[in-house]
N, C-alpha and C. Protein backbone atom coordinates (compact mmCIF):
# COMPACT_ATOMS: atom_id res chain seq x y z
N MET A 1 11.73 -17.48 41.37
CA MET A 1 10.75 -16.74 40.59
C MET A 1 10.90 -15.25 40.88
N LYS A 2 10.97 -14.47 39.83
CA LYS A 2 11.13 -13.03 39.93
C LYS A 2 9.80 -12.37 40.28
N THR A 3 9.84 -11.41 41.20
CA THR A 3 8.64 -10.65 41.55
C THR A 3 8.96 -9.18 41.32
N ASP A 4 8.12 -8.50 40.53
CA ASP A 4 8.36 -7.09 40.27
C ASP A 4 7.45 -6.22 41.12
N ALA A 5 7.69 -4.91 41.09
CA ALA A 5 6.92 -3.97 41.93
C ALA A 5 5.44 -3.98 41.57
N ALA A 6 5.12 -4.19 40.30
CA ALA A 6 3.71 -4.21 39.89
C ALA A 6 2.98 -5.37 40.55
N SER A 7 3.66 -6.49 40.75
CA SER A 7 3.03 -7.66 41.37
C SER A 7 2.75 -7.44 42.84
N LEU A 8 3.53 -6.58 43.48
CA LEU A 8 3.38 -6.36 44.92
C LEU A 8 2.42 -5.22 45.26
N ALA A 9 2.08 -4.39 44.27
CA ALA A 9 1.20 -3.24 44.52
C ALA A 9 -0.22 -3.71 44.80
N PRO A 10 -0.96 -2.96 45.62
CA PRO A 10 -2.37 -3.31 45.85
C PRO A 10 -3.14 -3.29 44.53
N TRP A 11 -4.12 -4.19 44.38
CA TRP A 11 -4.84 -4.34 43.11
C TRP A 11 -5.50 -3.05 42.67
N TRP A 12 -6.00 -2.26 43.60
CA TRP A 12 -6.76 -1.07 43.26
C TRP A 12 -5.90 0.02 42.63
N ARG A 13 -4.59 -0.12 42.69
CA ARG A 13 -3.73 0.85 42.01
C ARG A 13 -3.63 0.56 40.51
N GLY A 14 -4.02 -0.63 40.13
CA GLY A 14 -4.10 -0.97 38.71
C GLY A 14 -2.77 -1.11 38.01
N ARG A 15 -1.72 -1.43 38.72
CA ARG A 15 -0.40 -1.50 38.11
C ARG A 15 -0.22 -2.68 37.15
N ARG A 16 -1.08 -3.66 37.24
CA ARG A 16 -1.01 -4.80 36.34
C ARG A 16 -2.23 -4.84 35.41
N GLY A 17 -2.99 -3.76 35.39
CA GLY A 17 -4.12 -3.67 34.47
C GLY A 17 -5.45 -4.09 35.05
N GLU A 18 -5.57 -4.07 36.37
CA GLU A 18 -6.81 -4.49 37.01
C GLU A 18 -8.01 -3.67 36.56
N TRP A 19 -7.82 -2.39 36.33
CA TRP A 19 -8.94 -1.53 35.92
C TRP A 19 -9.43 -1.88 34.52
N TYR A 20 -8.51 -2.35 33.68
CA TYR A 20 -8.92 -2.81 32.34
C TYR A 20 -9.86 -4.00 32.47
N VAL A 21 -9.55 -4.91 33.38
CA VAL A 21 -10.38 -6.10 33.56
C VAL A 21 -11.77 -5.70 34.05
N LEU A 22 -11.84 -4.77 34.99
CA LEU A 22 -13.14 -4.30 35.49
C LEU A 22 -13.94 -3.59 34.40
N ALA A 23 -13.28 -2.76 33.62
CA ALA A 23 -13.97 -2.06 32.52
C ALA A 23 -14.46 -3.06 31.47
N GLN A 24 -13.64 -4.06 31.17
CA GLN A 24 -14.03 -5.09 30.22
C GLN A 24 -15.27 -5.84 30.71
N ALA A 25 -15.29 -6.20 31.98
CA ALA A 25 -16.46 -6.89 32.54
C ALA A 25 -17.70 -6.01 32.42
N GLY A 26 -17.55 -4.72 32.69
CA GLY A 26 -18.67 -3.79 32.57
C GLY A 26 -19.18 -3.71 31.14
N LEU A 27 -18.28 -3.68 30.17
CA LEU A 27 -18.70 -3.63 28.77
C LEU A 27 -19.43 -4.90 28.36
N PHE A 28 -18.95 -6.06 28.82
CA PHE A 28 -19.65 -7.31 28.50
C PHE A 28 -21.02 -7.36 29.16
N LEU A 29 -21.12 -6.84 30.38
CA LEU A 29 -22.44 -6.78 31.03
C LEU A 29 -23.39 -5.85 30.28
N LEU A 30 -22.88 -4.72 29.84
CA LEU A 30 -23.69 -3.79 29.05
C LEU A 30 -24.17 -4.46 27.77
N LEU A 31 -23.27 -5.16 27.11
CA LEU A 31 -23.63 -5.85 25.88
C LEU A 31 -24.71 -6.90 26.12
N ALA A 32 -24.56 -7.67 27.19
CA ALA A 32 -25.49 -8.78 27.45
C ALA A 32 -26.80 -8.32 28.08
N LEU A 33 -26.73 -7.34 28.98
CA LEU A 33 -27.90 -6.98 29.76
C LEU A 33 -28.42 -5.56 29.54
N GLY A 34 -27.67 -4.76 28.81
CA GLY A 34 -28.06 -3.37 28.60
C GLY A 34 -29.22 -3.23 27.65
N PRO A 35 -29.71 -2.02 27.49
CA PRO A 35 -30.83 -1.79 26.56
C PRO A 35 -30.43 -2.21 25.15
N ARG A 36 -31.38 -2.74 24.41
CA ARG A 36 -31.10 -3.22 23.05
C ARG A 36 -31.67 -2.30 21.99
N THR A 37 -32.49 -1.38 22.39
CA THR A 37 -33.07 -0.46 21.41
C THR A 37 -33.37 0.86 22.10
N ALA A 38 -33.58 1.85 21.29
CA ALA A 38 -33.98 3.17 21.77
C ALA A 38 -34.97 3.74 20.75
N SER A 39 -35.86 4.56 21.23
CA SER A 39 -36.92 5.08 20.36
C SER A 39 -36.38 5.87 19.17
N TRP A 40 -35.22 6.46 19.30
CA TRP A 40 -34.65 7.27 18.24
C TRP A 40 -33.86 6.46 17.21
N LEU A 41 -33.66 5.16 17.48
CA LEU A 41 -32.91 4.32 16.54
C LEU A 41 -33.85 3.74 15.48
N PRO A 42 -33.35 3.58 14.26
CA PRO A 42 -34.18 2.92 13.24
C PRO A 42 -34.34 1.44 13.57
N ALA A 43 -35.34 0.81 12.97
CA ALA A 43 -35.57 -0.62 13.16
C ALA A 43 -34.47 -1.40 12.44
N TRP A 44 -34.29 -2.64 12.85
CA TRP A 44 -33.34 -3.52 12.19
C TRP A 44 -33.79 -3.68 10.73
N PRO A 45 -32.87 -3.58 9.77
CA PRO A 45 -33.26 -3.66 8.36
C PRO A 45 -33.93 -5.00 8.02
N ASP A 46 -35.05 -4.93 7.31
CA ASP A 46 -35.79 -6.13 6.92
C ASP A 46 -34.93 -7.09 6.08
N ALA A 47 -34.06 -6.52 5.25
CA ALA A 47 -33.21 -7.35 4.39
C ALA A 47 -32.27 -8.25 5.20
N LEU A 48 -31.96 -7.84 6.42
CA LEU A 48 -31.04 -8.60 7.27
C LEU A 48 -31.75 -9.44 8.32
N ARG A 49 -33.04 -9.28 8.43
CA ARG A 49 -33.81 -9.91 9.52
C ARG A 49 -33.63 -11.43 9.58
N ALA A 50 -33.68 -12.13 8.47
CA ALA A 50 -33.59 -13.59 8.46
C ALA A 50 -32.16 -14.08 8.63
N ALA A 51 -31.23 -13.42 7.97
CA ALA A 51 -29.84 -13.91 7.96
C ALA A 51 -29.05 -13.54 9.21
N SER A 52 -29.38 -12.43 9.85
CA SER A 52 -28.52 -11.97 10.94
C SER A 52 -28.40 -12.94 12.12
N PRO A 53 -29.45 -13.64 12.55
CA PRO A 53 -29.24 -14.60 13.64
C PRO A 53 -28.31 -15.76 13.26
N VAL A 54 -28.38 -16.19 12.01
CA VAL A 54 -27.52 -17.30 11.55
C VAL A 54 -26.06 -16.84 11.50
N VAL A 55 -25.84 -15.68 10.88
CA VAL A 55 -24.48 -15.14 10.81
C VAL A 55 -23.99 -14.81 12.22
N GLY A 56 -24.86 -14.26 13.04
CA GLY A 56 -24.49 -13.92 14.42
C GLY A 56 -24.09 -15.14 15.22
N ALA A 57 -24.84 -16.23 15.09
CA ALA A 57 -24.51 -17.46 15.82
C ALA A 57 -23.16 -18.00 15.35
N ALA A 58 -22.91 -17.95 14.05
CA ALA A 58 -21.62 -18.41 13.52
C ALA A 58 -20.47 -17.57 14.08
N LEU A 59 -20.67 -16.25 14.14
CA LEU A 59 -19.64 -15.38 14.70
C LEU A 59 -19.43 -15.65 16.19
N MET A 60 -20.51 -15.92 16.91
CA MET A 60 -20.37 -16.22 18.34
C MET A 60 -19.59 -17.52 18.56
N VAL A 61 -19.87 -18.53 17.75
CA VAL A 61 -19.14 -19.80 17.85
C VAL A 61 -17.66 -19.59 17.50
N ALA A 62 -17.41 -18.88 16.39
CA ALA A 62 -16.03 -18.62 15.98
C ALA A 62 -15.30 -17.81 17.05
N GLY A 63 -15.97 -16.80 17.60
CA GLY A 63 -15.36 -16.01 18.66
C GLY A 63 -15.06 -16.84 19.89
N GLY A 64 -15.99 -17.70 20.26
CA GLY A 64 -15.76 -18.58 21.39
C GLY A 64 -14.57 -19.50 21.17
N LEU A 65 -14.41 -19.99 19.94
CA LEU A 65 -13.27 -20.85 19.62
C LEU A 65 -11.95 -20.09 19.73
N TRP A 66 -11.93 -18.84 19.26
CA TRP A 66 -10.73 -18.02 19.41
C TRP A 66 -10.39 -17.84 20.89
N ILE A 67 -11.40 -17.58 21.70
CA ILE A 67 -11.17 -17.38 23.13
C ILE A 67 -10.62 -18.65 23.77
N VAL A 68 -11.25 -19.78 23.51
CA VAL A 68 -10.83 -21.05 24.12
C VAL A 68 -9.45 -21.47 23.64
N THR A 69 -9.20 -21.40 22.33
CA THR A 69 -7.89 -21.82 21.83
C THR A 69 -6.79 -20.86 22.27
N GLY A 70 -7.12 -19.58 22.39
CA GLY A 70 -6.14 -18.61 22.90
C GLY A 70 -5.78 -18.89 24.35
N ALA A 71 -6.79 -19.14 25.17
CA ALA A 71 -6.55 -19.45 26.58
C ALA A 71 -5.75 -20.75 26.72
N ALA A 72 -6.13 -21.76 25.95
CA ALA A 72 -5.41 -23.04 26.01
C ALA A 72 -3.97 -22.88 25.53
N GLY A 73 -3.78 -22.06 24.50
CA GLY A 73 -2.43 -21.84 23.96
C GLY A 73 -1.51 -21.16 24.94
N LEU A 74 -2.05 -20.30 25.80
CA LEU A 74 -1.22 -19.63 26.79
C LEU A 74 -0.79 -20.57 27.91
N GLY A 75 -1.59 -21.59 28.17
CA GLY A 75 -1.22 -22.55 29.22
C GLY A 75 -0.98 -21.86 30.55
N ARG A 76 0.18 -22.11 31.13
CA ARG A 76 0.51 -21.55 32.45
C ARG A 76 0.77 -20.05 32.41
N SER A 77 0.92 -19.48 31.23
CA SER A 77 1.12 -18.04 31.11
C SER A 77 -0.20 -17.28 31.15
N LEU A 78 -1.33 -18.00 31.15
CA LEU A 78 -2.65 -17.37 31.16
C LEU A 78 -2.88 -16.60 32.46
N THR A 79 -3.34 -15.37 32.32
CA THR A 79 -3.73 -14.54 33.44
C THR A 79 -4.90 -13.67 33.02
N ALA A 80 -5.74 -13.32 33.96
CA ALA A 80 -6.86 -12.43 33.64
C ALA A 80 -6.39 -11.00 33.41
N LEU A 81 -5.21 -10.68 33.89
CA LEU A 81 -4.68 -9.33 33.79
C LEU A 81 -3.87 -9.14 32.51
N PRO A 82 -3.84 -7.92 31.98
CA PRO A 82 -3.04 -7.69 30.78
C PRO A 82 -1.53 -7.70 31.04
N HIS A 83 -1.12 -7.52 32.29
CA HIS A 83 0.30 -7.58 32.63
C HIS A 83 0.75 -9.04 32.57
N PRO A 84 1.86 -9.33 31.85
CA PRO A 84 2.28 -10.74 31.75
C PRO A 84 2.67 -11.31 33.11
N LYS A 85 2.43 -12.61 33.25
CA LYS A 85 2.78 -13.31 34.48
C LYS A 85 4.29 -13.38 34.63
N ASP A 86 4.75 -13.27 35.87
CA ASP A 86 6.17 -13.49 36.14
C ASP A 86 6.52 -14.91 35.72
N GLY A 87 7.60 -15.06 34.99
CA GLY A 87 8.03 -16.38 34.55
C GLY A 87 7.25 -16.91 33.35
N GLY A 88 6.37 -16.09 32.78
CA GLY A 88 5.61 -16.51 31.60
C GLY A 88 6.49 -16.59 30.37
N THR A 89 5.96 -17.17 29.33
CA THR A 89 6.70 -17.29 28.08
C THR A 89 5.91 -16.64 26.95
N LEU A 90 6.63 -16.19 25.94
CA LEU A 90 5.99 -15.61 24.77
C LEU A 90 5.44 -16.75 23.90
N VAL A 91 4.16 -16.70 23.62
CA VAL A 91 3.52 -17.72 22.79
C VAL A 91 3.24 -17.11 21.42
N ASP A 92 3.75 -17.78 20.38
CA ASP A 92 3.51 -17.29 19.02
C ASP A 92 3.06 -18.41 18.09
N THR A 93 2.50 -19.45 18.67
CA THR A 93 2.01 -20.59 17.89
C THR A 93 0.50 -20.73 18.09
N GLY A 94 -0.11 -21.65 17.36
CA GLY A 94 -1.56 -21.83 17.46
C GLY A 94 -2.26 -20.57 16.98
N PRO A 95 -3.29 -20.12 17.68
CA PRO A 95 -4.00 -18.92 17.24
C PRO A 95 -3.12 -17.67 17.28
N PHE A 96 -2.07 -17.71 18.11
CA PHE A 96 -1.17 -16.56 18.22
C PHE A 96 -0.30 -16.39 16.97
N ALA A 97 -0.29 -17.37 16.09
CA ALA A 97 0.42 -17.24 14.82
C ALA A 97 -0.38 -16.40 13.83
N PHE A 98 -1.68 -16.21 14.10
CA PHE A 98 -2.55 -15.47 13.19
C PHE A 98 -2.92 -14.09 13.72
N VAL A 99 -2.96 -13.94 15.03
CA VAL A 99 -3.33 -12.67 15.64
C VAL A 99 -2.69 -12.62 17.03
N ARG A 100 -2.18 -11.44 17.40
CA ARG A 100 -1.46 -11.33 18.67
C ARG A 100 -2.36 -11.44 19.89
N HIS A 101 -3.64 -11.12 19.73
CA HIS A 101 -4.58 -11.15 20.85
C HIS A 101 -5.84 -11.94 20.45
N PRO A 102 -5.71 -13.26 20.34
CA PRO A 102 -6.86 -14.05 19.87
C PRO A 102 -8.06 -14.00 20.80
N MET A 103 -7.85 -13.85 22.08
CA MET A 103 -9.01 -13.79 22.99
C MET A 103 -9.76 -12.47 22.83
N TYR A 104 -9.06 -11.39 22.58
CA TYR A 104 -9.74 -10.11 22.30
C TYR A 104 -10.46 -10.20 20.96
N CYS A 105 -9.79 -10.79 19.98
CA CYS A 105 -10.42 -11.00 18.67
C CYS A 105 -11.72 -11.79 18.83
N GLY A 106 -11.64 -12.87 19.59
CA GLY A 106 -12.83 -13.69 19.83
C GLY A 106 -13.92 -12.93 20.54
N GLY A 107 -13.54 -12.08 21.49
CA GLY A 107 -14.52 -11.26 22.19
C GLY A 107 -15.23 -10.29 21.26
N ILE A 108 -14.48 -9.72 20.33
CA ILE A 108 -15.07 -8.80 19.35
C ILE A 108 -16.04 -9.56 18.44
N TRP A 109 -15.60 -10.70 17.93
CA TRP A 109 -16.46 -11.48 17.04
C TRP A 109 -17.72 -11.92 17.76
N ALA A 110 -17.58 -12.38 19.00
CA ALA A 110 -18.74 -12.82 19.77
C ALA A 110 -19.70 -11.65 20.02
N ALA A 111 -19.15 -10.47 20.32
CA ALA A 111 -19.98 -9.30 20.58
C ALA A 111 -20.76 -8.90 19.32
N VAL A 112 -20.10 -8.89 18.17
CA VAL A 112 -20.79 -8.58 16.92
C VAL A 112 -21.84 -9.66 16.63
N GLY A 113 -21.48 -10.91 16.89
CA GLY A 113 -22.43 -12.00 16.71
C GLY A 113 -23.66 -11.83 17.58
N TRP A 114 -23.47 -11.44 18.83
CA TRP A 114 -24.59 -11.21 19.75
C TRP A 114 -25.49 -10.09 19.21
N ALA A 115 -24.87 -9.02 18.73
CA ALA A 115 -25.65 -7.90 18.17
C ALA A 115 -26.48 -8.36 16.98
N LEU A 116 -25.91 -9.22 16.15
CA LEU A 116 -26.66 -9.74 15.01
C LEU A 116 -27.78 -10.68 15.45
N CYS A 117 -27.48 -11.53 16.43
CA CYS A 117 -28.51 -12.46 16.94
C CYS A 117 -29.68 -11.72 17.56
N THR A 118 -29.39 -10.65 18.28
CA THR A 118 -30.45 -9.88 18.94
C THR A 118 -31.05 -8.83 18.01
N ARG A 119 -30.46 -8.71 16.82
CA ARG A 119 -30.91 -7.70 15.85
C ARG A 119 -30.98 -6.32 16.49
N SER A 120 -29.88 -5.95 17.13
CA SER A 120 -29.85 -4.71 17.89
C SER A 120 -28.75 -3.78 17.40
N LEU A 121 -29.17 -2.61 16.90
CA LEU A 121 -28.20 -1.60 16.50
C LEU A 121 -27.46 -1.06 17.72
N LEU A 122 -28.13 -1.00 18.85
CA LEU A 122 -27.48 -0.53 20.08
C LEU A 122 -26.40 -1.53 20.51
N CYS A 123 -26.68 -2.82 20.44
CA CYS A 123 -25.67 -3.82 20.77
C CYS A 123 -24.51 -3.78 19.77
N LEU A 124 -24.79 -3.44 18.52
CA LEU A 124 -23.73 -3.28 17.53
C LEU A 124 -22.83 -2.10 17.93
N ALA A 125 -23.43 -1.04 18.45
CA ALA A 125 -22.64 0.09 18.94
C ALA A 125 -21.81 -0.33 20.16
N TYR A 126 -22.39 -1.11 21.07
CA TYR A 126 -21.63 -1.62 22.23
C TYR A 126 -20.45 -2.46 21.75
N ALA A 127 -20.67 -3.29 20.72
CA ALA A 127 -19.59 -4.12 20.18
C ALA A 127 -18.47 -3.25 19.60
N ALA A 128 -18.85 -2.15 18.96
CA ALA A 128 -17.84 -1.22 18.42
C ALA A 128 -17.04 -0.59 19.56
N VAL A 129 -17.71 -0.21 20.63
CA VAL A 129 -17.01 0.35 21.79
C VAL A 129 -16.07 -0.70 22.38
N LEU A 130 -16.53 -1.94 22.47
CA LEU A 130 -15.69 -3.02 22.98
C LEU A 130 -14.46 -3.22 22.10
N ALA A 131 -14.62 -3.13 20.79
CA ALA A 131 -13.48 -3.28 19.87
C ALA A 131 -12.45 -2.17 20.10
N VAL A 132 -12.92 -0.94 20.25
CA VAL A 132 -12.00 0.17 20.54
C VAL A 132 -11.32 -0.05 21.89
N PHE A 133 -12.09 -0.48 22.88
CA PHE A 133 -11.53 -0.76 24.20
C PHE A 133 -10.43 -1.82 24.11
N PHE A 134 -10.69 -2.92 23.38
CA PHE A 134 -9.69 -3.98 23.24
C PHE A 134 -8.44 -3.47 22.53
N ASP A 135 -8.60 -2.56 21.58
CA ASP A 135 -7.44 -1.99 20.91
C ASP A 135 -6.59 -1.19 21.90
N VAL A 136 -7.24 -0.39 22.72
CA VAL A 136 -6.52 0.41 23.73
C VAL A 136 -5.85 -0.52 24.75
N LYS A 137 -6.60 -1.50 25.23
CA LYS A 137 -6.06 -2.45 26.21
C LYS A 137 -4.87 -3.22 25.63
N ALA A 138 -5.00 -3.67 24.38
CA ALA A 138 -3.92 -4.42 23.74
C ALA A 138 -2.67 -3.55 23.57
N THR A 139 -2.86 -2.28 23.26
CA THR A 139 -1.72 -1.37 23.11
C THR A 139 -0.96 -1.27 24.43
N ARG A 140 -1.68 -1.13 25.54
CA ARG A 140 -1.03 -1.07 26.85
C ARG A 140 -0.35 -2.40 27.18
N GLU A 141 -1.05 -3.48 26.92
CA GLU A 141 -0.51 -4.81 27.18
C GLU A 141 0.77 -5.04 26.39
N GLU A 142 0.81 -4.56 25.17
CA GLU A 142 1.99 -4.77 24.33
C GLU A 142 3.21 -4.02 24.83
N ARG A 143 3.02 -2.92 25.51
CA ARG A 143 4.17 -2.24 26.13
C ARG A 143 4.76 -3.14 27.21
N TRP A 144 3.91 -3.76 28.01
CA TRP A 144 4.39 -4.69 29.03
C TRP A 144 5.04 -5.92 28.39
N LEU A 145 4.43 -6.46 27.35
CA LEU A 145 4.98 -7.64 26.68
C LEU A 145 6.33 -7.33 26.04
N SER A 146 6.48 -6.15 25.45
CA SER A 146 7.75 -5.75 24.84
C SER A 146 8.85 -5.66 25.89
N ALA A 147 8.50 -5.17 27.08
CA ALA A 147 9.48 -5.08 28.16
C ALA A 147 9.83 -6.46 28.71
N ALA A 148 8.88 -7.37 28.69
CA ALA A 148 9.11 -8.70 29.28
C ALA A 148 9.79 -9.68 28.32
N PHE A 149 9.55 -9.53 27.01
CA PHE A 149 10.04 -10.51 26.04
C PHE A 149 10.83 -9.83 24.93
N PRO A 150 12.13 -10.07 24.86
CA PRO A 150 12.96 -9.43 23.83
C PRO A 150 12.50 -9.70 22.40
N GLY A 151 11.88 -10.83 22.13
CA GLY A 151 11.45 -11.17 20.78
C GLY A 151 10.09 -10.61 20.40
N TYR A 152 9.49 -9.82 21.28
CA TYR A 152 8.13 -9.36 21.00
C TYR A 152 8.05 -8.40 19.81
N ALA A 153 9.05 -7.55 19.63
CA ALA A 153 9.03 -6.59 18.52
C ALA A 153 9.00 -7.32 17.17
N ALA A 154 9.77 -8.39 17.04
CA ALA A 154 9.77 -9.16 15.79
C ALA A 154 8.41 -9.84 15.59
N TYR A 155 7.84 -10.34 16.67
CA TYR A 155 6.51 -10.96 16.61
C TYR A 155 5.47 -9.92 16.17
N GLN A 156 5.53 -8.72 16.73
CA GLN A 156 4.61 -7.64 16.36
C GLN A 156 4.71 -7.31 14.87
N ALA A 157 5.92 -7.36 14.35
CA ALA A 157 6.14 -6.99 12.95
C ALA A 157 5.52 -8.00 11.99
N ARG A 158 5.37 -9.26 12.40
CA ARG A 158 4.89 -10.28 11.46
C ARG A 158 3.44 -10.72 11.69
N VAL A 159 2.85 -10.41 12.85
CA VAL A 159 1.50 -10.89 13.16
C VAL A 159 0.59 -9.70 13.45
N ARG A 160 -0.63 -9.74 12.91
CA ARG A 160 -1.61 -8.66 13.11
C ARG A 160 -2.07 -8.60 14.57
N LYS A 161 -2.59 -7.46 14.96
CA LYS A 161 -2.93 -7.20 16.36
C LYS A 161 -4.25 -7.85 16.81
N LEU A 162 -5.36 -7.55 16.14
CA LEU A 162 -6.68 -7.98 16.62
C LEU A 162 -7.52 -8.77 15.62
N ILE A 163 -7.39 -8.48 14.36
CA ILE A 163 -8.18 -9.15 13.33
C ILE A 163 -7.21 -9.84 12.36
N PRO A 164 -7.24 -11.19 12.30
CA PRO A 164 -6.27 -11.91 11.46
C PRO A 164 -6.21 -11.37 10.04
N PHE A 165 -4.98 -11.16 9.57
CA PHE A 165 -4.68 -10.71 8.22
C PHE A 165 -5.18 -9.29 7.90
N VAL A 166 -5.82 -8.62 8.84
CA VAL A 166 -6.41 -7.30 8.57
C VAL A 166 -5.77 -6.23 9.47
N TYR A 167 -5.94 -6.38 10.79
CA TYR A 167 -5.48 -5.36 11.74
C TYR A 167 -4.90 -6.00 12.98
């Protein structure tokens, strides 16, 4: 098994993306436990009041499915870090045939779903920040994936990054 310098570096140097994982955890905590409203924000629109929890729950379920199927699809290549595992393989089947980062996609959908369920404009803003964060994290991860897997450029050309068929 090949071991690279990034694998041997102390975790706090972040050579395998450890800081991304910590920032991601912080964003999810903010989304789940942070303030949901502020006095200067408008109230949740009445027209959306009844439908938003239903749509939000559906998005949370769909997001959870993307996360679970993405993790299962990676199998032994699954790692919490954005740096690919030594000896890992490029997966382009299952949910990875529709989006290059299905677990990030699922996280975005679940975050938007949570904002709709809680009827919180502030949580919707947190979800937007999380989406931008996942885009930045995925961009860094893809540099590592391109270096690790010769076929990654062709995969990038045919499959969307975060939102199936869109982006």
